[in-house]
PDB file of N, CA and C in Angstrom:
ATOM      1  N   MET A   1      78.030  97.606 108.338  1.00  0.00           N
ATOM      2  CA  MET A   1      76.997  99.017 108.516  1.00  0.00           C
ATOM      3  C   MET A   1      75.561  98.858 107.740  1.00  0.00           C
ATOM      4  N   LYS A   2      74.991  99.209 109.139  1.00  0.00           N
ATOM      5  CA  LYS A   2      73.385  98.875 108.569  1.00  0.00           C
ATOM      6  C   LYS A   2      72.340  99.640 107.789  1.00  0.00           C
ATOM      7  N   ASP A   3      73.173 101.132 107.260  1.00  0.00           N
ATOM      8  CA  ASP A   3      72.132 102.245 106.671  1.00  0.00           C
ATOM      9  C   ASP A   3      73.621 101.971 105.138  1.00  0.00           C
ATOM     10  N   ASP A   4      72.872 101.272 104.287  1.00  0.00           N
ATOM     11  CA  ASP A   4      73.868 101.215 102.872  1.00  0.00           C
ATOM     12  C   ASP A   4      74.299 102.783 101.864  1.00  0.00           C
ATOM     13  N   ARG A   5      73.453 104.148 103.167  1.00  0.00           N
ATOM     14  CA  ARG A   5      73.850 104.928 102.821  1.00  0.00           C
ATOM     15  C   ARG A   5      75.516 105.214 103.115  1.00  0.00           C
ATOM     16  N   TYR A   6      75.314 104.711 104.476  1.00  0.00           N
ATOM     17  CA  TYR A   6      76.792 105.107 105.120  1.00  0.00           C
ATOM     18  C   TYR A   6      78.115 104.026 104.067  1.00  0.00           C
ATOM     19  N   LEU A   7      77.421 103.004 104.338  1.00  0.00           N
ATOM     20  CA  LEU A   7      78.140 102.352 103.280  1.00  0.00           C
ATOM     21  C   LEU A   7      79.148 102.784 102.237  1.00  0.00           C
ATOM     22  N   LEU A   8      77.965 103.397 101.336  1.00  0.00           N
ATOM     23  CA  LEU A   8      77.845 103.958  99.633  1.00  0.00           C
ATOM     24  C   LEU A   8      78.981 105.308  99.904  1.00  0.00           C
ATOM     25  N   ASN A   9      78.829 105.888 101.001  1.00  0.00           N
ATOM     26  CA  ASN A   9      79.719 107.148 100.959  1.00  0.00           C
ATOM     27  C   ASN A   9      81.322 106.490 101.792  1.00  0.00           C
ATOM     28  N   PHE A  10      81.229 105.457 102.310  1.00  0.00           N
ATOM     29  CA  PHE A  10      82.289 105.177 102.734  1.00  0.00           C
ATOM     30  C   PHE A  10      83.411 104.962 101.425  1.00  0.00           C
ATOM     31  N   ILE A  11      82.674 104.183 100.981  1.00  0.00           N
ATOM     32  CA  ILE A  11      83.393 102.935  99.256  1.00  0.00           C
ATOM     33  C   ILE A  11      83.729 104.554  98.796  1.00  0.00           C
ATOM     34  N   ASN A  12      82.416 105.055  98.616  1.00  0.00           N
ATOM     35  CA  ASN A  12      83.120 106.449  97.700  1.00  0.00           C
ATOM     36  C   ASN A  12      84.506 107.784  98.071  1.00  0.00           C
ATOM     37  N   ILE A  13      84.330 107.622  99.224  1.00  0.00           N
ATOM     38  CA  ILE A  13      85.693 107.870 100.111  1.00  0.00           C
ATOM     39  C   ILE A  13      87.027 107.398  99.906  1.00  0.00           C
ATOM     40  N   ILE A  14      86.740 105.791 100.180  1.00  0.00           N
ATOM     41  CA  ILE A  14      87.985 104.828  99.683  1.00  0.00           C
ATOM     42  C   ILE A  14      88.193 105.151  98.278  1.00  0.00           C
ATOM     43  N   ASN A  15      87.149 104.955  96.928  1.00  0.00           N
ATOM     44  CA  ASN A  15      87.605 105.311  95.875  1.00  0.00           C
ATOM     45  C   ASN A  15      88.156 106.452  95.292  1.00  0.00           C
ATOM     46  N   ILE A  16      87.546 107.819  96.151  1.00  0.00           N
ATOM     47  CA  ILE A  16      88.562 108.889  96.133  1.00  0.00           C
ATOM     48  C   ILE A  16      90.099 108.871  96.240  1.00  0.00           C
ATOM     49  N   TYR A  17      90.121 108.366  97.802  1.00  0.00           N
ATOM     50  CA  TYR A  17      91.616 107.826  97.859  1.00  0.00           C
ATOM     51  C   TYR A  17      92.890 108.115  97.246  1.00  0.00           C
ATOM     52  N   ILE A  18      91.928 106.101  96.243  1.00  0.00           N
ATOM     53  CA  ILE A  18      92.661 105.430  95.679  1.00  0.00           C
ATOM     54  C   ILE A  18      92.911 106.129  94.290  1.00  0.00           C
ATOM     55  N   ASN A  19      91.766 107.177  93.396  1.00  0.00           N
ATOM     56  CA  ASN A  19      91.901 107.911  92.307  1.00  0.00           C
ATOM     57  C   ASN A  19      92.908 108.581  92.405  1.00  0.00           C
ATOM     58  N   LEU A  20      92.939 109.710  93.218  1.00  0.00           N
ATOM     59  CA  LEU A  20      93.554 110.853  93.776  1.00  0.00           C
ATOM     60  C   LEU A  20      95.400 110.202  94.395  1.00  0.00           C
ATOM     61  N   SER A  21      95.898 108.698  94.304  1.00  0.00           N
ATOM     62  CA  SER A  21      97.078 108.219  95.298  1.00  0.00           C
ATOM     63  C   SER A  21      96.954 109.369  95.726  1.00  0.00           C
ATOM     64  N   HIS A  22      96.139 109.675  97.062  1.00  0.00           N
ATOM     65  CA  HIS A  22      96.323 110.407  98.382  1.00  0.00           C
ATOM     66  C   HIS A  22      96.201 109.640  99.495  1.00  0.00           C
ATOM     67  N   TRP A  23      97.037 109.570 100.141  1.00  0.00           N
ATOM     68  CA  TRP A  23      96.856 109.059 101.840  1.00  0.00           C
ATOM     69  C   TRP A  23      96.997 110.198 102.912  1.00  0.00           C
ATOM     70  N   PRO A  24      95.946 110.609 103.760  1.00  0.00           N
ATOM     71  CA  PRO A  24      95.628 111.541 104.234  1.00  0.00           C
ATOM     72  C   PRO A  24      96.521 111.300 105.501  1.00  0.00           C
ATOM     73  N   LEU A  25      97.473 112.102 105.806  1.00  0.00           N
ATOM     74  CA  LEU A  25      98.175 112.218 106.714  1.00  0.00           C
ATOM     75  C   LEU A  25      97.829 111.768 108.291  1.00  0.00           C
ATOM     76  N   TYR A  26      96.807 112.032 108.249  1.00  0.00           N
ATOM     77  CA  TYR A  26      95.899 111.185 109.760  1.00  0.00           C
ATOM     78  C   TYR A  26      95.468 110.186 110.127  1.00  0.00           C
ATOM     79  N   PHE A  27      95.983 109.394 108.478  1.00  0.00           N
ATOM     80  CA  PHE A  27      96.092 108.084 108.321  1.00  0.00           C
ATOM     81  C   PHE A  27      97.563 107.488 109.038  1.00  0.00           C
ATOM     82  N   LYS A  28      98.229 108.220 108.478  1.00  0.00           N
ATOM     83  CA  LYS A  28      99.803 107.582 108.803  1.00  0.00           C
ATOM     84  C   LYS A  28     100.164 108.025 110.070  1.00  0.00           C
ATOM     85  N   THR A  29      99.504 109.328 111.457  1.00  0.00           N
ATOM     86  CA  THR A  29     100.105 108.900 112.457  1.00  0.00           C
ATOM     87  C   THR A  29      99.497 108.311 113.535  1.00  0.00           C
ATOM     88  N   SER A  30     100.567 107.711 114.397  1.00  0.00           N
ATOM     89  CA  SER A  30      99.949 106.477 115.135  1.00  0.00           C
ATOM     90  C   SER A  30     100.525 107.082 116.968  1.00  0.00           C
ATOM     91  N   LEU A  31      99.892 106.654 117.821  1.00  0.00           N
ATOM     92  CA  LEU A  31     100.313 106.856 119.050  1.00  0.00           C
ATOM     93  C   LEU A  31     100.209 105.925 120.249  1.00  0.00           C
ATOM     94  N   LEU A  32     101.723 106.195 120.731  1.00  0.00           N
ATOM     95  CA  LEU A  32     102.664 105.197 121.287  1.00  0.00           C
ATOM     96  C   LEU A  32     102.390 105.232 122.372  1.00  0.00           C
ATOM     97  N   ILE A  33     101.398 103.837 123.210  1.00  0.00           N
ATOM     98  CA  ILE A  33     101.239 104.246 124.807  1.00  0.00           C
ATOM     99  C   ILE A  33     102.562 103.491 125.660  1.00  0.00           C
ATOM    100  N   ILE A  34     103.028 103.813 126.026  1.00  0.00           N
ATOM    101  CA  ILE A  34     104.221 103.229 127.006  1.00  0.00           C
ATOM    102  C   ILE A  34     103.631 102.683 128.405  1.00  0.00           C
ATOM    103  N   ILE A  35     103.576 101.225 128.954  1.00  0.00           N
ATOM    104  CA  ILE A  35     102.693 100.602 130.194  1.00  0.00           C
ATOM    105  C   ILE A  35     104.227 100.409 130.912  1.00  0.00           C
ATOM    106  N   PRO A  36     104.294 101.092 131.724  1.00  0.00           N
ATOM    107  CA  PRO A  36     105.788 100.372 132.858  1.00  0.00           C
ATOM    108  C   PRO A  36     105.047  98.794 133.433  1.00  0.00           C
ATOM    109  N   LYS A  37     105.813  97.989 133.345  1.00  0.00           N
ATOM    110  CA  LYS A  37     105.665  96.745 134.027  1.00  0.00           C
ATOM    111  C   LYS A  37     105.541  96.357 135.449  1.00  0.00           C
ATOM    112  N   THR A  38     104.785  96.027 136.270  1.00  0.00           N
ATOM    113  CA  THR A  38     104.627  95.925 137.648  1.00  0.00           C
ATOM    114  C   THR A  38     105.681  95.560 138.380  1.00  0.00           C
ATOM    115  N   ASN A  39     106.621  95.798 139.551  1.00  0.00           N
ATOM    116  CA  ASN A  39     107.173  94.882 140.568  1.00  0.00           C
ATOM    117  C   ASN A  39     108.415  95.045 139.767  1.00  0.00           C
ATOM    118  N   GLU A  40     108.722  95.898 139.324  1.00  0.00           N
ATOM    119  CA  GLU A  40     110.256  96.282 138.735  1.00  0.00           C
ATOM    120  C   GLU A  40     110.928  97.201 139.293  1.00  0.00           C
ATOM    121  N   LEU A  41     112.377  96.977 139.851  1.00  0.00           N
ATOM    122  CA  LEU A  41     113.052  98.432 140.796  1.00  0.00           C
ATOM    123  C   LEU A  41     113.154  99.484 139.651  1.00  0.00           C
ATOM    124  N   THR A  42     113.913  99.176 138.608  1.00  0.00           N
ATOM    125  CA  THR A  42     114.193 100.601 137.706  1.00  0.00           C
ATOM    126  C   THR A  42     113.755 100.059 136.846  1.00  0.00           C
ATOM    127  N   TYR A  43     113.528 101.403 135.991  1.00  0.00           N
ATOM    128  CA  TYR A  43     113.008 101.215 134.626  1.00  0.00           C
ATOM    129  C   TYR A  43     113.946 101.773 133.439  1.00  0.00           C
ATOM    130  N   ASN A  44     115.528 101.049 133.387  1.00  0.00           N
ATOM    131  CA  ASN A  44     116.754 101.658 132.972  1.00  0.00           C
ATOM    132  C   ASN A  44     116.528 100.875 131.313  1.00  0.00           C
ATOM    133  N   PHE A  45     115.917  99.576 130.849  1.00  0.00           N
ATOM    134  CA  PHE A  45     115.644  99.181 129.653  1.00  0.00           C
ATOM    135  C   PHE A  45     114.584  99.404 129.483  1.00  0.00           C
ATOM    136  N   SER A  46     114.261  98.917 128.094  1.00  0.00           N
ATOM    137  CA  SER A  46     113.374  99.326 127.126  1.00  0.00           C
ATOM    138  C   SER A  46     112.091  97.648 127.350  1.00  0.00           C
ATOM    139  N   LYS A  47     112.887  96.682 127.277  1.00  0.00           N
ATOM    140  CA  LYS A  47     111.932  95.442 127.902  1.00  0.00           C
ATOM    141  C   LYS A  47     111.009  95.392 128.892  1.00  0.00           C
ATOM    142  N   ILE A  48     111.344  96.620 129.729  1.00  0.00           N
ATOM    143  CA  ILE A  48     111.119  96.416 131.048  1.00  0.00           C
ATOM    144  C   ILE A  48     109.670  97.469 131.038  1.00  0.00           C
ATOM    145  N   PHE A  49     108.777  97.960 129.736  1.00  0.00           N
ATOM    146  CA  PHE A  49     107.929  98.421 129.513  1.00  0.00           C
ATOM    147  C   PHE A  49     107.085  97.680 128.369  1.00  0.00           C
ATOM    148  N   HIS A  50     105.569  97.774 128.663  1.00  0.00           N
ATOM    149  CA  HIS A  50     104.665  97.718 127.236  1.00  0.00           C
ATOM    150  C   HIS A  50     104.664  98.380 126.490  1.00  0.00           C
ATOM    151  N   LEU A  51     105.024  98.430 125.269  1.00  0.00           N
ATOM    152  CA  LEU A  51     104.444  99.144 124.001  1.00  0.00           C
ATOM    153  C   LEU A  51     103.644  98.656 123.689  1.00  0.00           C
ATOM    154  N   ILE A  52     102.507  99.728 123.419  1.00  0.00           N
ATOM    155  CA  ILE A  52     101.089  99.541 122.607  1.00  0.00           C
ATOM    156  C   ILE A  52     100.684 100.595 121.660  1.00  0.00           C
ATOM    157  N   VAL A  53     101.056 100.374 120.234  1.00  0.00           N
ATOM    158  CA  VAL A  53     100.697 101.527 119.240  1.00  0.00           C
ATOM    159  C   VAL A  53      99.109 101.574 118.679  1.00  0.00           C
ATOM    160  N   LEU A  54      98.975 102.862 118.677  1.00  0.00           N
ATOM    161  CA  LEU A  54      97.288 102.266 118.137  1.00  0.00           C
ATOM    162  C   LEU A  54      97.243 103.224 116.962  1.00  0.00           C
ATOM    163  N   PHE A  55      96.393 102.695 115.887  1.00  0.00           N
ATOM    164  CA  PHE A  55      96.568 103.422 114.339  1.00  0.00           C
ATOM    165  C   PHE A  55      94.856 103.672 114.248  1.00  0.00           C
ATOM    166  N   ASN A  56      94.508 104.559 113.457  1.00  0.00           N
ATOM    167  CA  ASN A  56      93.201 104.956 112.999  1.00  0.00           C
ATOM    168  C   ASN A  56      92.543 104.000 112.475  1.00  0.00           C
ATOM    169  N   ILE A  57      91.552 103.152 113.305  1.00  0.00           N
ATOM    170  CA  ILE A  57      90.435 102.248 112.726  1.00  0.00           C
ATOM    171  C   ILE A  57      90.035 102.257 111.474  1.00  0.00           C
ATOM    172  N   LEU A  58      89.703 103.689 111.046  1.00  0.00           N
ATOM    173  CA  LEU A  58      89.237 103.958 110.016  1.00  0.00           C
ATOM    174  C   LEU A  58      90.606 103.612 108.605  1.00  0.00           C
ATOM    175  N   GLY A  59      91.333 104.333 109.165  1.00  0.00           N
ATOM    176  CA  GLY A  59      92.923 104.175 108.525  1.00  0.00           C
ATOM    177  C   GLY A  59      93.067 102.394 107.879  1.00  0.00           C
ATOM    178  N   LYS A  60      92.914 101.659 109.173  1.00  0.00           N
ATOM    179  CA  LYS A  60      93.111 100.214 108.911  1.00  0.00           C
ATOM    180  C   LYS A  60      92.506  99.609 107.982  1.00  0.00           C
ATOM    181  N   LEU A  61      91.040  99.949 108.046  1.00  0.00           N
ATOM    182  CA  LEU A  61      89.913  98.997 107.376  1.00  0.00           C
ATOM    183  C   LEU A  61      90.448 100.078 105.904  1.00  0.00           C
ATOM    184  N   ILE A  62      90.773 100.841 105.511  1.00  0.00           N
ATOM    185  CA  ILE A  62      90.705 101.666 103.750  1.00  0.00           C
ATOM    186  C   ILE A  62      91.810 100.886 103.740  1.00  0.00           C
ATOM    187  N   GLU A  63      92.889 100.273 104.283  1.00  0.00           N
ATOM    188  CA  GLU A  63      94.356  99.653 103.781  1.00  0.00           C
ATOM    189  C   GLU A  63      93.946  98.158 103.642  1.00  0.00           C
ATOM    190  N   LYS A  64      93.049  97.801 104.542  1.00  0.00           N
ATOM    191  CA  LYS A  64      92.819  96.393 103.825  1.00  0.00           C
ATOM    192  C   LYS A  64      91.634  95.940 102.762  1.00  0.00           C
ATOM    193  N   ILE A  65      91.089  97.149 102.555  1.00  0.00           N
ATOM    194  CA  ILE A  65      90.472  97.141 101.564  1.00  0.00           C
ATOM    195  C   ILE A  65      90.724  97.270 100.243  1.00  0.00           C
ATOM    196  N   ILE A  66      91.674  98.508 100.233  1.00  0.00           N
ATOM    197  CA  ILE A  66      92.428  98.640  98.926  1.00  0.00           C
ATOM    198  C   ILE A  66      93.298  97.525  98.875  1.00  0.00           C
ATOM    199  N   GLY A  67      93.686  96.727  99.874  1.00  0.00           N
ATOM    200  CA  GLY A  67      95.118  95.594  99.825  1.00  0.00           C
ATOM    201  C   GLY A  67      93.979  94.254  99.158  1.00  0.00           C
ATOM    202  N   GLU A  68      92.932  94.136  99.740  1.00  0.00           N
ATOM    203  CA  GLU A  68      91.970  93.269  98.823  1.00  0.00           C
ATOM    204  C   GLU A  68      91.986  93.603  97.477  1.00  0.00           C
ATOM    205  N   ARG A  69      91.552  94.951  97.213  1.00  0.00           N
ATOM    206  CA  ARG A  69      91.395  95.247  95.887  1.00  0.00           C
ATOM    207  C   ARG A  69      92.375  94.853  94.762  1.00  0.00           C
ATOM    208  N   LEU A  70      93.496  95.562  95.327  1.00  0.00           N
ATOM    209  CA  LEU A  70      95.195  94.976  94.714  1.00  0.00           C
ATOM    210  C   LEU A  70      95.269  93.456  94.306  1.00  0.00           C
ATOM    211  N   GLN A  71      94.819  92.736  95.171  1.00  0.00           N
ATOM    212  CA  GLN A  71      94.724  91.290  95.114  1.00  0.00           C
ATOM    213  C   GLN A  71      93.821  90.582  94.696  1.00  0.00           C
ATOM    214  N   ARG A  72      92.504  91.271  94.315  1.00  0.00           N
ATOM    215  CA  ARG A  72      91.544  90.766  93.244  1.00  0.00           C
ATOM    216  C   ARG A  72      92.088  90.927  91.664  1.00  0.00           C
ATOM    217  N   GLN A  73      92.581  92.566  91.685  1.00  0.00           N
ATOM    218  CA  GLN A  73      93.023  92.845  90.398  1.00  0.00           C
ATOM    219  C   GLN A  73      94.116  91.621  89.607  1.00  0.00           C
ATOM    220  N   SER A  74      95.454  91.185  90.429  1.00  0.00           N
ATOM    221  CA  SER A  74      96.244  90.868  90.590  1.00  0.00           C
ATOM    222  C   SER A  74      95.733  89.663  89.932  1.00  0.00           C
ATOM    223  N   ILE A  75      94.942  88.893  90.448  1.00  0.00           N
ATOM    224  CA  ILE A  75      94.408  87.650  90.270  1.00  0.00           C
ATOM    225  C   ILE A  75      94.107  87.286  88.937  1.00  0.00           C
ATOM    226  N   THR A  76      92.786  88.561  88.718  1.00  0.00           N
ATOM    227  CA  THR A  76      92.136  88.847  87.227  1.00  0.00           C
ATOM    228  C   THR A  76      92.753  89.252  86.194  1.00  0.00           C
ATOM    229  N   LEU A  77      94.129  89.947  86.334  1.00  0.00           N
ATOM    230  CA  LEU A  77      95.014  90.229  85.248  1.00  0.00           C
ATOM    231  C   LEU A  77      96.474  89.383  84.951  1.00  0.00           C
ATOM    232  N   ASN A  78      96.079  87.975  86.054  1.00  0.00           N
ATOM    233  CA  ASN A  78      96.873  87.074  85.698  1.00  0.00           C
ATOM    234  C   ASN A  78      98.329  87.575  86.257  1.00  0.00           C
ATOM    235  N   PHE A  79      98.711  88.425  87.200  1.00  0.00           N
ATOM    236  CA  PHE A  79      99.982  88.985  87.437  1.00  0.00           C
ATOM    237  C   PHE A  79     100.253  88.165  88.166  1.00  0.00           C
ATOM    238  N   VAL A  80      99.784  87.147  89.037  1.00  0.00           N
ATOM    239  CA  VAL A  80     100.450  86.173  89.507  1.00  0.00           C
ATOM    240  C   VAL A  80     100.758  84.788  89.157  1.00  0.00           C
ATOM    241  N   HIS A  81     101.822  84.109  89.171  1.00  0.00           N
ATOM    242  CA  HIS A  81     102.074  82.796  88.750  1.00  0.00           C
ATOM    243  C   HIS A  81     101.483  82.142  89.080  1.00  0.00           C
ATOM    244  N   SER A  82     101.415  80.936  88.290  1.00  0.00           N
ATOM    245  CA  SER A  82     100.265  79.769  88.795  1.00  0.00           C
ATOM    246  C   SER A  82     100.876  78.871  89.968  1.00  0.00           C
ATOM    247  N   ASN A  83     102.140  79.015  90.126  1.00  0.00           N
ATOM    248  CA  ASN A  83     102.499  78.505  91.218  1.00  0.00           C
ATOM    249  C   ASN A  83     102.541  79.031  92.911  1.00  0.00           C
ATOM    250  N   GLN A  84     102.280  80.591  92.320  1.00  0.00           N
ATOM    251  CA  GLN A  84     102.040  80.976  93.762  1.00  0.00           C
ATOM    252  C   GLN A  84     100.578  80.960  94.336  1.00  0.00           C
ATOM    253  N   LEU A  85     101.227  80.213  95.555  1.00  0.00           N
ATOM    254  CA  LEU A  85      99.155  79.548  96.159  1.00  0.00           C
ATOM    255  C   LEU A  85      99.196  80.513  97.813  1.00  0.00           C
ATOM    256  N   GLY A  86     100.315  81.109  98.040  1.00  0.00           N
ATOM    257  CA  GLY A  86     100.583  81.684  99.476  1.00  0.00           C
ATOM    258  C   GLY A  86      99.754  82.583  99.829  1.00  0.00           C
ATOM    259  N   LYS A  87      98.908  82.514 100.773  1.00  0.00           N
ATOM    260  CA  LYS A  87      97.918  84.091 101.244  1.00  0.00           C
ATOM    261  C   LYS A  87      97.553  84.899  99.841  1.00  0.00           C
ATOM    262  N   LEU A  88      96.916  83.889  99.193  1.00  0.00           N
ATOM    263  CA  LEU A  88      96.193  84.355  98.407  1.00  0.00           C
ATOM    264  C   LEU A  88      94.914  83.910  98.386  1.00  0.00           C
ATOM    265  N   LYS A  89      93.832  84.629  98.036  1.00  0.00           N
ATOM    266  CA  LYS A  89      92.176  84.014  98.378  1.00  0.00           C
ATOM    267  C   LYS A  89      91.918  83.177  97.265  1.00  0.00           C
ATOM    268  N   GLN A  90      91.327  82.406  97.633  1.00  0.00           N
ATOM    269  CA  GLN A  90      90.865  81.448  96.676  1.00  0.00           C
ATOM    270  C   GLN A  90      91.879  80.779  95.792  1.00  0.00           C
ATOM    271  N   CYS A  91      93.592  81.143  96.683  1.00  0.00           N
ATOM    272  CA  CYS A  91      94.489  80.081  95.764  1.00  0.00           C
ATOM    273  C   CYS A  91      95.334  79.648  97.009  1.00  0.00           C
ATOM    274  N   SER A  92      94.460  78.968  97.886  1.00  0.00           N
ATOM    275  CA  SER A  92      95.329  78.096  98.724  1.00  0.00           C
ATOM    276  C   SER A  92      95.945  77.105  98.021  1.00  0.00           C
ATOM    277  N   THR A  93      96.101  75.854  98.859  1.00  0.00           N
ATOM    278  CA  THR A  93      96.578  74.700  98.343  1.00  0.00           C
ATOM    279  C   THR A  93      95.325  73.890  98.637  1.00  0.00           C
ATOM    280  N   THR A  94      94.118  73.715  99.141  1.00  0.00           N
ATOM    281  CA  THR A  94      93.406  73.228  99.231  1.00  0.00           C
ATOM    282  C   THR A  94      92.457  73.484  97.918  1.00  0.00           C
ATOM    283  N   ASP A  95      92.464  74.608  97.713  1.00  0.00           N
ATOM    284  CA  ASP A  95      92.047  75.259  96.588  1.00  0.00           C
ATOM    285  C   ASP A  95      92.461  74.853  95.192  1.00  0.00           C
ATOM    286  N   ALA A  96      93.714  74.420  95.165  1.00  0.00           N
ATOM    287  CA  ALA A  96      94.458  74.189  93.976  1.00  0.00           C
ATOM    288  C   ALA A  96      94.132  72.302  93.850  1.00  0.00           C
ATOM    289  N   GLY A  97      94.208  71.748  95.040  1.00  0.00           N
ATOM    290  CA  GLY A  97      93.610  70.335  94.733  1.00  0.00           C
ATOM    291  C   GLY A  97      92.643  69.640  93.988  1.00  0.00           C
ATOM    292  N   VAL A  98      91.279  70.825  94.899  1.00  0.00           N
ATOM    293  CA  VAL A  98      90.366  70.707  94.010  1.00  0.00           C
ATOM    294  C   VAL A  98      89.611  71.025  93.159  1.00  0.00           C
TER     295      VAL A  98
END
């Protein structure tokens, strides 16, 4: 974000959601778009359609930030076993080798 005020407000919103342990309903809803494939004679089967699910971008971003925070805290508080290296930031096999 170009303006720090917007970033600080966004972080405050995230912190409020975390402190209240509340996830608003509008972040849980999704929109399903069904697009029929071309050149099909009949549309009786689901594999003939392309299904696209759209989620709220702001909700996806907040979920990612919460996941990053949980991962960082679990590493700093030693909740993760030392042999667990997969999918953790700064805990890859390359980092372990270094």
